[in-house]
Amino acid sequence: MPRILIKNGYVVTVNDNRDVWPDGAVIISNGKIEAVHPSSGAFAQGNFDEVIDAKGCLVMPGLVNMHQHHWYALFKGLADGMLLEDWIGDLVFPLVSKLTPEAMRVSSYQCGLEMLATGTTCSFNHSVTVTTPEIVKAIIAPQAELGIRQVFGKELRCRNPRFTAHPLSLDESLAAVKEDVQRWNDAHDGLVRMGMVIEANAHWTSSGMSTEELILRGTDLARALDLRISSHIAAGTFSLEKGFLQHLRHTGRTDVRYLMQLGVLDEHWLLAHCIHCTELDLEQMAHVGASLVYTPTSEAIRGGGIAPAANASDLGITTALGTDGPMVDYSDDMFEQIKACVLFQHQRHLDPTRMPVECAVEMATINAARALGLDDEIGSLEPGKQADIAIFDMRRRHVGPLQRPLSAFVCAGKGSDAKAVLVNGQIVYRDGQFANGPDPQEVLREAERVGADIAKRAGLANRLTSLWPLRLATEPVTAS
């Protein structure tokens, strides 16, 4: 593997000391970080296969997207004006019924390309569909080919008296999870890891899609295999007729309290959204070591609210960030989430000190790695860790003067300012070009074709048109 020097960069290490070196250097050897230095001057000479001059650039750990759904990339723009509950019933369910392995494959490529091009080097892919071994391969293999690190959260669902359509019993579903873990965990030079998805919120349990036995036995298996468990928790609007509040009124318990009553909540659980978590919920999460995954733009665009991320962080909960998925908020840009985290937490608390930029950056790097149990491998720039590194051009016109570079870039820069991205010490993206995989333009065209076809077959052709009336190209424009 190549020995690489990154020099002259504004190096944000996110190490234990939180060292920041305005003229720093990073040396990469055998796929790992060999050294991180506060000065590039010592490396005028050296035995390197490649030297990356990062002058004017932010050099930082690759971003970690802790909650996303890859196939949502096919359906950007369709969800305008929908509350979460309507979005699930009127958009997600019809689309899910039309998904194919080919759709999963092309969307995995598209999602992986979008993430790499915006500085994300690792993601947790939360499965919300029923997957067969063929479909799991169609999801995992494309991103492995692109060279991005991934944790695939295999869903645990089963046939039961209220959910008769599922092809597998609980015993068979547990066996299927175990088989997928044995096949994929640590595959492709460690780029692939496996997790589990156990939906344990009131919506899923009230509908019969999840059961107490499934949650208990699934947690036992996840603990035995040391898998992280992702679950949507305390999300949705405050409608009394549907969603979170309806189930709260019927059951008299919050989602977190339910998991505590079952005795399953621990450090394996990644609780996504948590918009309506109470202070008691947060205290219980902190007590058992569960992590909170905040998806700020997803919650905002659906009108769901603002999750208590700052309060969770204050309690010592490992708090991370995710994008959710481009069918929700139309973006896989993790820098967008970092900025939104800062803005929305200040707005929630009417206090511009509640979420410093530095804390939000931690949520997208070392905190996310810690939530995954991978903080000894990724999440910071330190010797011995995997060389997952993102380099962003801070001299773009829209960024402007860099009086305080990190704050300026977080609030004015974009993920698309990524100049180079490395995973496992390999340069997988540089200056708009990808090192691996198919032609990105071909992928994009195929994703547009497949997405539009599925939407039409799902009876959602009306969602493909703009709310504005379309003027024909030949129609004259006249002054009023």
Protein backbone atom coordinates (compact mmCIF):
# COMPACT_ATOMS: atom_id res chain seq x y z
CA MET A 1 0.00 0.00 0.00
CA PRO A 2 1.25 3.53 -0.71
CA ARG A 3 3.03 5.66 1.87
CA ILE A 4 1.40 9.08 1.73
CA LEU A 5 2.24 12.47 3.21
CA ILE A 6 -0.47 15.09 3.67
CA LYS A 7 1.25 18.40 4.38
CA ASN A 8 0.52 22.09 4.98
CA GLY A 9 -3.04 21.39 6.14
CA TYR A 10 -5.17 22.86 8.89
CA VAL A 11 -5.19 19.57 10.80
CA VAL A 12 -8.08 18.96 13.19
CA THR A 13 -7.17 15.74 14.97
CA VAL A 14 -10.17 15.27 17.33
CA ASN A 15 -7.72 13.30 19.49
CA ASP A 16 -7.97 13.17 23.28
CA ASN A 17 -6.25 16.57 23.55
CA ARG A 18 -8.32 17.96 20.66
CA ASP A 19 -5.11 19.21 19.03
CA VAL A 20 -5.49 21.58 16.08
CA TRP A 21 -2.39 22.33 13.98
CA PRO A 22 -2.65 25.14 11.39
CA ASP A 23 0.35 23.82 9.42
CA GLY A 24 0.12 20.14 10.26
CA ALA A 25 1.11 16.94 8.53
CA VAL A 26 -0.25 13.41 8.47
CA ILE A 27 1.78 10.38 7.39
CA ILE A 28 -0.04 7.27 6.16
CA SER A 29 1.53 3.84 5.81
CA ASN A 30 -0.02 0.43 5.19
CA GLY A 31 -3.50 1.88 5.35
CA LYS A 32 -3.04 3.37 8.81
CA ILE A 33 -1.95 6.67 10.27
CA GLU A 34 1.75 6.41 11.00
CA ALA A 35 2.19 9.87 12.50
CA VAL A 36 0.50 13.24 12.95
CA HIS A 37 2.78 16.27 13.28
CA PRO A 38 2.12 19.89 14.26
CA SER A 39 4.48 21.17 11.56
CA SER A 40 4.98 20.21 7.92
CA GLY A 41 8.46 21.75 7.86
CA ALA A 42 10.16 18.55 8.97
CA PHE A 43 9.04 16.73 5.83
CA ALA A 44 10.66 18.67 3.01
CA GLN A 45 12.38 15.41 2.21
CA GLY A 46 11.06 11.91 2.73
CA ASN A 47 10.38 8.54 1.24
CA PHE A 48 6.76 8.86 0.13
CA ASP A 49 4.87 7.36 -2.78
CA GLU A 50 2.62 10.41 -2.88
CA VAL A 51 2.54 13.88 -1.33
CA ILE A 52 -0.77 15.73 -1.00
CA ASP A 53 -0.34 19.47 -0.53
CA ALA A 54 -3.28 20.50 1.68
CA LYS A 55 -2.42 24.21 1.88
CA GLY A 56 -5.63 26.13 2.50
CA CYS A 57 -7.44 22.91 3.35
CA LEU A 58 -9.09 21.44 6.41
CA VAL A 59 -7.68 17.97 7.17
CA MET A 60 -9.86 16.00 9.55
CA PRO A 61 -11.15 12.51 10.33
CA GLY A 62 -13.56 11.20 7.72
CA LEU A 63 -17.16 11.96 8.63
CA VAL A 64 -19.35 9.16 9.99
CA ASN A 65 -23.02 9.12 8.99
CA MET A 66 -24.70 7.25 11.82
CA HIS A 67 -28.18 6.91 10.36
CA GLN A 68 -29.10 6.63 6.71
CA HIS A 69 -31.24 4.55 4.37
CA HIS A 70 -29.38 4.08 1.11
CA TRP A 71 -32.31 3.44 -1.26
CA TYR A 72 -33.89 6.77 -0.37
CA ALA A 73 -31.36 8.25 -2.82
CA LEU A 74 -33.69 7.19 -5.66
CA PHE A 75 -36.56 9.40 -4.53
CA LYS A 76 -35.25 12.86 -3.77
CA GLY A 77 -37.91 15.54 -3.83
CA LEU A 78 -40.97 13.32 -3.60
CA ALA A 79 -41.80 14.05 0.03
CA ASP A 80 -42.48 17.79 -0.04
CA GLY A 81 -45.20 18.85 2.38
CA MET A 82 -45.62 15.49 4.12
CA LEU A 83 -45.74 14.94 7.85
CA LEU A 84 -43.75 11.91 8.96
CA GLU A 85 -46.81 9.72 9.56
CA ASP A 86 -48.23 10.49 6.10
CA TRP A 87 -44.79 10.07 4.55
CA ILE A 88 -44.58 6.52 5.94
CA GLY A 89 -48.05 5.44 4.86
CA ASP A 90 -48.40 7.31 1.58
CA LEU A 91 -44.83 7.21 0.28
CA VAL A 92 -42.60 4.60 1.96
CA PHE A 93 -44.97 1.63 1.97
CA PRO A 94 -46.02 1.95 -1.71
CA LEU A 95 -42.37 2.35 -2.81
CA VAL A 96 -41.10 -0.56 -0.69
CA SER A 97 -43.48 -2.93 -2.44
CA LYS A 98 -41.85 -2.12 -5.80
CA LEU A 99 -38.16 -2.25 -4.84
CA THR A 100 -35.99 -4.82 -6.62
CA PRO A 101 -32.43 -6.08 -6.12
CA GLU A 102 -31.42 -3.90 -9.11
CA ALA A 103 -32.93 -0.84 -7.41
CA MET A 104 -31.02 -1.67 -4.24
CA ARG A 105 -27.79 -2.06 -6.21
CA VAL A 106 -27.97 1.21 -8.14
CA SER A 107 -29.12 3.17 -5.09
CA SER A 108 -26.23 1.76 -3.07
CA TYR A 109 -23.79 3.03 -5.67
CA GLN A 110 -25.49 6.42 -5.82
CA CYS A 111 -25.62 6.82 -2.05
CA GLY A 112 -21.98 5.75 -1.68
CA LEU A 113 -20.86 8.23 -4.34
CA GLU A 114 -22.78 11.05 -2.69
CA MET A 115 -21.28 10.30 0.70
CA LEU A 116 -17.69 10.00 -0.52
CA ALA A 117 -17.96 13.21 -2.54
CA THR A 118 -18.96 15.09 0.62
CA GLY A 119 -16.32 13.69 2.96
CA THR A 120 -18.16 10.79 4.58
CA THR A 121 -16.00 7.70 4.98
CA CYS A 122 -18.30 5.47 7.05
CA SER A 123 -22.05 5.06 7.53
CA PHE A 124 -24.60 2.97 9.39
CA ASN A 125 -27.14 1.76 6.83
CA HIS A 126 -30.40 1.09 8.68
CA SER A 127 -32.48 -1.44 6.74
CA VAL A 128 -36.20 -0.67 6.68
CA THR A 129 -37.13 -3.36 4.14
CA VAL A 130 -37.24 -7.13 4.18
CA THR A 131 -33.91 -8.31 2.79
CA THR A 132 -32.91 -11.67 1.37
CA PRO A 133 -29.28 -12.78 0.97
CA GLU A 134 -29.47 -11.59 -2.65
CA ILE A 135 -30.66 -8.14 -1.61
CA VAL A 136 -28.11 -7.85 1.19
CA LYS A 137 -25.39 -8.50 -1.37
CA ALA A 138 -26.92 -5.93 -3.74
CA ILE A 139 -26.72 -3.36 -0.93
CA ILE A 140 -23.30 -4.13 0.51
CA ALA A 141 -21.21 -5.00 -2.55
CA PRO A 142 -21.47 -1.67 -4.46
CA GLN A 143 -20.26 0.45 -1.56
CA ALA A 144 -17.51 -2.04 -0.81
CA GLU A 145 -16.43 -1.67 -4.43
CA LEU A 146 -16.37 2.13 -4.09
CA GLY A 147 -14.12 1.74 -1.04
CA ILE A 148 -16.34 3.39 1.58
CA ARG A 149 -16.58 1.91 5.07
CA GLN A 150 -20.03 0.69 6.05
CA VAL A 151 -22.00 -0.89 8.87
CA PHE A 152 -25.06 -2.62 7.46
CA GLY A 153 -27.91 -2.87 9.94
CA LYS A 154 -29.73 -6.08 9.02
CA GLU A 155 -33.41 -5.82 9.93
CA LEU A 156 -34.97 -8.31 12.35
CA ARG A 157 -38.60 -8.95 11.51
CA CYS A 158 -40.69 -12.08 11.43
CA ARG A 159 -44.08 -13.54 10.74
CA ASN A 160 -46.56 -13.27 13.59
CA PRO A 161 -50.36 -13.31 13.97
CA ARG A 162 -50.57 -9.59 13.12
CA PHE A 163 -47.83 -9.54 10.48
CA THR A 164 -48.59 -12.59 8.37
CA ALA A 165 -46.85 -11.45 5.19
CA HIS A 166 -43.30 -12.02 6.36
CA PRO A 167 -41.81 -15.21 4.89
CA LEU A 168 -39.82 -16.23 8.00
CA SER A 169 -40.64 -17.24 11.57
CA LEU A 170 -38.70 -15.60 14.39
CA ASP A 171 -36.33 -18.57 14.64
CA GLU A 172 -35.72 -18.43 10.90
CA SER A 173 -35.19 -14.66 10.95
CA LEU A 174 -32.67 -14.92 13.77
CA ALA A 175 -30.84 -17.60 11.82
CA ALA A 176 -30.86 -15.39 8.72
CA VAL A 177 -29.28 -12.52 10.66
CA LYS A 178 -26.61 -14.84 11.99
CA GLU A 179 -25.83 -16.15 8.50
CA ASP A 180 -25.49 -12.63 7.08
CA VAL A 181 -23.21 -11.65 9.95
CA GLN A 182 -21.01 -14.69 9.35
CA ARG A 183 -20.84 -13.92 5.64
CA TRP A 184 -20.24 -10.18 5.70
CA ASN A 185 -18.82 -9.06 9.03
CA ASP A 186 -15.26 -7.83 8.52
CA ALA A 187 -15.40 -8.54 4.77
CA HIS A 188 -13.55 -6.52 2.11
CA ASP A 189 -10.49 -5.84 4.25
CA GLY A 190 -12.62 -4.80 7.21
CA LEU A 191 -14.61 -2.17 5.31
CA VAL A 192 -17.87 -4.05 5.99
CA ARG A 193 -19.27 -4.51 9.47
CA MET A 194 -22.67 -5.79 10.45
CA GLY A 195 -25.25 -4.41 12.82
CA MET A 196 -28.88 -5.17 13.57
CA VAL A 197 -32.12 -3.21 13.28
CA ILE A 198 -34.78 -3.89 15.90
CA GLU A 199 -37.68 -1.46 15.64
CA ALA A 200 -38.86 -0.99 19.20
CA ASN A 201 -40.87 2.21 19.10
CA ALA A 202 -44.57 2.49 19.82
CA HIS A 203 -45.52 2.77 16.16
CA TRP A 204 -43.92 -0.56 15.26
CA THR A 205 -45.06 -2.45 18.34
CA SER A 206 -48.62 -1.11 18.15
CA SER A 207 -48.89 -2.12 14.50
CA GLY A 208 -47.67 -5.66 15.24
CA MET A 209 -44.59 -5.27 13.04
CA SER A 210 -42.43 -5.79 16.14
CA THR A 211 -43.11 -7.87 19.23
CA GLU A 212 -41.77 -8.18 22.74
CA GLU A 213 -40.37 -11.63 22.00
CA LEU A 214 -38.61 -10.32 18.89
CA ILE A 215 -37.03 -7.47 20.84
CA LEU A 216 -35.88 -9.74 23.67
CA ARG A 217 -34.45 -12.51 21.51
CA GLY A 218 -32.98 -10.10 19.00
CA THR A 219 -31.15 -8.25 21.74
CA ASP A 220 -29.77 -11.53 23.09
CA LEU A 221 -28.39 -12.39 19.65
CA ALA A 222 -26.93 -8.90 19.14
CA ARG A 223 -25.16 -9.12 22.49
CA ALA A 224 -23.81 -12.57 21.68
CA LEU A 225 -22.46 -11.34 18.32
CA ASP A 226 -21.49 -7.89 19.70
CA LEU A 227 -23.61 -6.05 17.14
CA ARG A 228 -24.91 -2.51 17.43
CA ILE A 229 -28.72 -2.29 17.37
CA SER A 230 -30.38 0.63 15.60
CA SER A 231 -33.97 1.65 16.27
CA HIS A 232 -36.17 4.62 15.41
CA ILE A 233 -37.22 6.14 18.72
CA ALA A 234 -39.66 8.86 19.83
CA ALA A 235 -40.09 10.44 16.40
CA GLY A 236 -43.03 11.91 14.55
CA THR A 237 -45.35 14.85 15.05
CA PHE A 238 -47.45 15.79 18.06
CA SER A 239 -50.71 14.85 16.36
CA LEU A 240 -53.21 13.36 18.81
CA GLU A 241 -54.75 11.21 16.07
CA LYS A 242 -51.65 9.46 14.79
CA GLY A 243 -48.03 8.85 15.54
CA PHE A 244 -46.05 9.29 18.72
CA LEU A 245 -48.65 10.96 20.95
CA GLN A 246 -51.41 8.59 19.91
CA HIS A 247 -49.33 5.59 20.96
CA LEU A 248 -48.16 7.35 24.13
CA ARG A 249 -51.80 7.92 25.13
CA HIS A 250 -52.69 4.30 24.40
CA THR A 251 -49.72 2.67 26.11
CA GLY A 252 -48.85 5.17 28.83
CA ARG A 253 -45.13 4.72 28.19
CA THR A 254 -42.37 6.28 26.16
CA ASP A 255 -40.23 4.24 23.80
CA VAL A 256 -37.18 4.45 26.03
CA ARG A 257 -39.18 3.46 29.10
CA TYR A 258 -40.45 0.39 27.21
CA LEU A 259 -36.90 -0.74 26.44
CA MET A 260 -35.91 -0.16 30.06
CA GLN A 261 -38.90 -2.18 31.29
CA LEU A 262 -37.85 -5.03 29.02
CA GLY A 263 -34.33 -4.83 30.44
CA VAL A 264 -32.70 -4.68 27.01
CA LEU A 265 -31.39 -1.12 26.73
CA ASP A 266 -27.60 -0.95 26.94
CA GLU A 267 -24.52 0.27 25.06
CA HIS A 268 -25.43 -1.82 22.00
CA TRP A 269 -28.42 0.40 21.19
CA LEU A 270 -28.28 3.33 18.75
CA LEU A 271 -31.49 5.31 19.27
CA ALA A 272 -32.25 7.40 16.18
CA HIS A 273 -34.12 10.72 16.19
CA CYS A 274 -35.32 10.79 19.85
CA ILE A 275 -37.20 14.02 19.11
CA HIS A 276 -39.68 13.58 21.94
CA CYS A 277 -37.44 11.94 24.54
CA THR A 278 -38.11 13.25 28.04
CA GLU A 279 -35.42 14.19 30.53
CA LEU A 280 -36.11 10.91 32.34
CA ASP A 281 -35.61 9.06 29.05
CA LEU A 282 -32.25 10.78 28.62
CA GLU A 283 -31.21 9.99 32.19
CA GLN A 284 -32.03 6.31 31.63
CA MET A 285 -30.08 6.29 28.35
CA ALA A 286 -27.09 7.84 30.10
CA HIS A 287 -27.35 5.30 32.92
CA VAL A 288 -27.15 2.26 30.61
CA GLY A 289 -24.80 3.71 27.99
CA ALA A 290 -27.16 3.84 24.99
CA SER A 291 -26.28 6.28 22.20
CA LEU A 292 -28.45 8.99 20.64
CA VAL A 293 -28.30 9.64 16.90
CA TYR A 294 -29.52 13.11 15.95
CA THR A 295 -30.72 13.80 12.39
CA PRO A 296 -31.44 17.55 12.47
CA THR A 297 -32.47 18.32 8.89
CA SER A 298 -34.65 15.22 8.64
CA GLU A 299 -36.64 16.26 11.68
CA ALA A 300 -36.93 19.84 10.48
CA ILE A 301 -38.20 19.13 6.96
CA ARG A 302 -40.95 16.81 8.25
CA GLY A 303 -42.00 19.34 10.91
CA GLY A 304 -41.27 16.83 13.64
CA GLY A 305 -39.40 19.03 16.11
CA ILE A 306 -35.87 19.41 17.43
CA ALA A 307 -34.29 16.55 19.36
CA PRO A 308 -32.68 17.25 22.77
CA ALA A 309 -29.15 16.64 21.49
CA ALA A 310 -27.46 19.28 23.66
CA ASN A 311 -29.15 17.97 26.80
CA ALA A 312 -28.15 14.42 25.89
CA SER A 313 -24.56 15.48 25.40
CA ASP A 314 -24.57 17.32 28.74
CA LEU A 315 -25.65 14.09 30.44
CA GLY A 316 -22.72 12.20 28.96
CA ILE A 317 -24.74 10.30 26.37
CA THR A 318 -22.68 9.46 23.30
CA THR A 319 -24.44 11.68 20.77
CA ALA A 320 -23.80 11.35 17.04
CA LEU A 321 -25.19 12.69 13.77
CA GLY A 322 -26.86 11.17 10.71
CA THR A 323 -28.58 12.32 7.54
CA ASP A 324 -31.52 9.85 7.66
CA GLY A 325 -31.89 9.66 3.89
CA PRO A 326 -32.43 11.68 0.73
CA MET A 327 -36.12 10.75 0.47
CA VAL A 328 -36.58 12.52 3.80
CA ASP A 329 -34.43 15.64 3.64
CA TYR A 330 -32.81 15.16 0.22
CA SER A 331 -29.16 15.21 1.29
CA ASP A 332 -26.34 12.92 2.36
CA ASP A 333 -24.09 15.87 3.24
CA MET A 334 -22.83 15.40 6.79
CA PHE A 335 -21.41 18.93 6.95
CA GLU A 336 -24.98 20.10 6.47
CA GLN A 337 -25.90 18.08 9.57
CA ILE A 338 -23.03 19.56 11.59
CA LYS A 339 -24.15 23.09 10.78
CA ALA A 340 -27.83 22.30 11.33
CA CYS A 341 -27.00 20.72 14.69
CA VAL A 342 -25.41 23.96 15.86
CA LEU A 343 -28.19 26.20 14.53
CA PHE A 344 -31.15 24.12 15.71
CA GLN A 345 -29.83 23.49 19.21
CA HIS A 346 -29.24 27.21 19.67
CA GLN A 347 -32.77 27.84 18.43
CA ARG A 348 -34.27 25.18 20.70
CA HIS A 349 -32.65 26.64 23.79
CA LEU A 350 -32.53 30.31 22.69
CA ASP A 351 -28.90 30.14 23.75
CA PRO A 352 -25.94 30.52 21.33
CA THR A 353 -23.62 28.63 23.68
CA ARG A 354 -25.47 25.31 23.88
CA MET A 355 -23.83 23.62 20.89
CA PRO A 356 -20.32 24.83 20.04
CA VAL A 357 -19.10 24.04 16.55
CA GLU A 358 -16.40 21.83 18.03
CA CYS A 359 -18.96 19.66 19.82
CA ALA A 360 -20.97 19.18 16.62
CA VAL A 361 -17.79 18.12 14.80
CA GLU A 362 -17.14 15.56 17.55
CA MET A 363 -20.65 14.17 16.96
CA ALA A 364 -19.78 13.51 13.30
CA THR A 365 -16.40 11.92 14.05
CA ILE A 366 -15.17 10.48 17.35
CA ASN A 367 -18.60 10.28 19.02
CA ALA A 368 -19.99 8.37 16.06
CA ALA A 369 -17.02 5.99 16.11
CA ARG A 370 -17.54 5.46 19.83
CA ALA A 371 -21.25 4.72 19.34
CA LEU A 372 -20.28 2.05 16.80
CA GLY A 373 -17.63 0.60 19.10
CA LEU A 374 -15.00 1.53 16.50
CA ASP A 375 -13.31 4.44 18.27
CA ASP A 376 -10.06 2.47 18.53
CA GLU A 377 -10.03 2.29 14.70
CA ILE A 378 -11.58 5.49 13.30
CA GLY A 379 -12.99 8.87 14.34
CA SER A 380 -9.77 10.79 15.00
CA LEU A 381 -6.37 11.39 13.45
CA GLU A 382 -4.02 9.41 15.69
CA PRO A 383 -1.14 7.00 15.05
CA GLY A 384 -2.32 3.43 14.67
CA LYS A 385 -5.83 4.26 13.53
CA GLN A 386 -7.18 3.51 10.09
CA ALA A 387 -6.41 6.32 7.65
CA ASP A 388 -9.99 7.48 7.07
CA ILE A 389 -9.37 11.15 6.27
CA ALA A 390 -11.31 13.97 4.60
CA ILE A 391 -9.61 17.02 3.11
CA PHE A 392 -11.82 20.05 2.41
CA ASP A 393 -10.86 23.13 0.39
CA MET A 394 -11.40 26.12 2.69
CA ARG A 395 -10.36 28.69 0.07
CA ARG A 396 -13.56 28.44 -1.93
CA ARG A 397 -15.17 31.82 -2.55
CA HIS A 398 -18.26 31.08 -0.48
CA VAL A 399 -16.18 30.24 2.60
CA GLY A 400 -14.42 33.62 2.74
CA PRO A 401 -11.87 34.86 5.28
CA LEU A 402 -10.71 32.27 7.80
CA GLN A 403 -10.36 34.21 11.03
CA ARG A 404 -11.45 31.13 12.95
CA PRO A 405 -11.13 28.38 10.33
CA LEU A 406 -13.17 25.53 11.81
CA SER A 407 -16.15 27.72 12.71
CA ALA A 408 -15.96 29.55 9.39
CA PHE A 409 -15.92 26.35 7.38
CA VAL A 410 -18.64 24.56 9.37
CA CYS A 411 -20.99 27.50 8.94
CA ALA A 412 -20.04 28.62 5.41
CA GLY A 413 -18.51 25.54 3.77
CA LYS A 414 -20.15 22.51 2.25
CA GLY A 415 -19.46 18.81 2.05
CA SER A 416 -19.02 19.25 -1.69
CA ASP A 417 -15.88 21.27 -0.91
CA ALA A 418 -14.18 17.90 -0.36
CA LYS A 419 -10.88 17.89 -2.23
CA ALA A 420 -9.71 14.40 -1.35
CA VAL A 421 -11.07 11.51 0.70
CA LEU A 422 -9.10 8.52 1.96
CA VAL A 423 -10.43 5.28 3.41
CA ASN A 424 -8.05 2.66 4.79
CA GLY A 425 -5.21 4.76 3.42
CA GLN A 426 -6.52 4.61 -0.15
CA ILE A 427 -7.43 7.79 -2.02
CA VAL A 428 -10.97 6.93 -3.08
CA TYR A 429 -12.05 10.43 -4.17
CA ARG A 430 -10.01 13.38 -5.40
CA ASP A 431 -10.90 16.56 -7.28
CA GLY A 432 -14.26 15.27 -8.43
CA GLN A 433 -13.01 11.84 -9.52
CA PHE A 434 -13.65 8.47 -7.91
CA ALA A 435 -10.93 5.83 -7.82
CA ASN A 436 -13.27 2.84 -7.91
CA GLY A 437 -16.64 1.74 -9.23
CA PRO A 438 -18.66 2.47 -12.36
CA ASP A 439 -19.01 5.78 -14.19
CA PRO A 440 -20.81 8.14 -11.74
CA GLN A 441 -22.82 9.74 -14.54
CA GLU A 442 -24.05 6.34 -15.67
CA VAL A 443 -25.03 5.53 -12.09
CA LEU A 444 -26.91 8.81 -11.81
CA ARG A 445 -28.81 8.26 -15.05
CA GLU A 446 -29.72 4.74 -13.99
CA ALA A 447 -30.80 5.93 -10.54
CA GLU A 448 -33.08 8.54 -12.10
CA ARG A 449 -34.59 6.00 -14.49
CA VAL A 450 -35.13 3.33 -11.83
CA GLY A 451 -36.49 5.81 -9.28
CA ALA A 452 -39.00 7.34 -11.69
CA ASP A 453 -40.15 3.91 -12.87
CA ILE A 454 -40.71 2.66 -9.31
CA ALA A 455 -42.57 5.84 -8.34
CA LYS A 456 -44.91 5.47 -11.31
CA ARG A 457 -45.53 1.77 -10.66
CA ALA A 458 -46.26 2.61 -7.01
CA GLY A 459 -48.97 5.04 -8.08
CA LEU A 460 -46.94 8.09 -7.13
CA ALA A 461 -46.49 9.72 -10.54
CA ASN A 462 -48.20 12.84 -9.20
CA ARG A 463 -45.31 13.32 -6.76
CA LEU A 464 -42.89 13.76 -9.67
CA THR A 465 -44.34 17.11 -10.78
CA SER A 466 -43.70 20.58 -9.41
CA LEU A 467 -46.34 22.56 -7.55
CA TRP A 468 -45.71 25.42 -9.95
CA PRO A 469 -47.54 25.41 -13.28
CA LEU A 470 -45.12 24.56 -16.06
CA ARG A 471 -44.92 27.01 -18.93
CA LEU A 472 -44.29 25.49 -22.35
CA ALA A 473 -40.99 26.50 -23.95
CA THR A 474 -42.90 28.05 -26.89
CA GLU A 475 -45.28 30.05 -24.69
CA PRO A 476 -44.37 33.76 -24.75
CA VAL A 477 -43.67 35.60 -21.52
CA THR A 478 -45.42 38.96 -21.39
CA ALA A 479 -45.24 41.80 -18.93
CA SER A 480 -48.22 42.19 -16.66
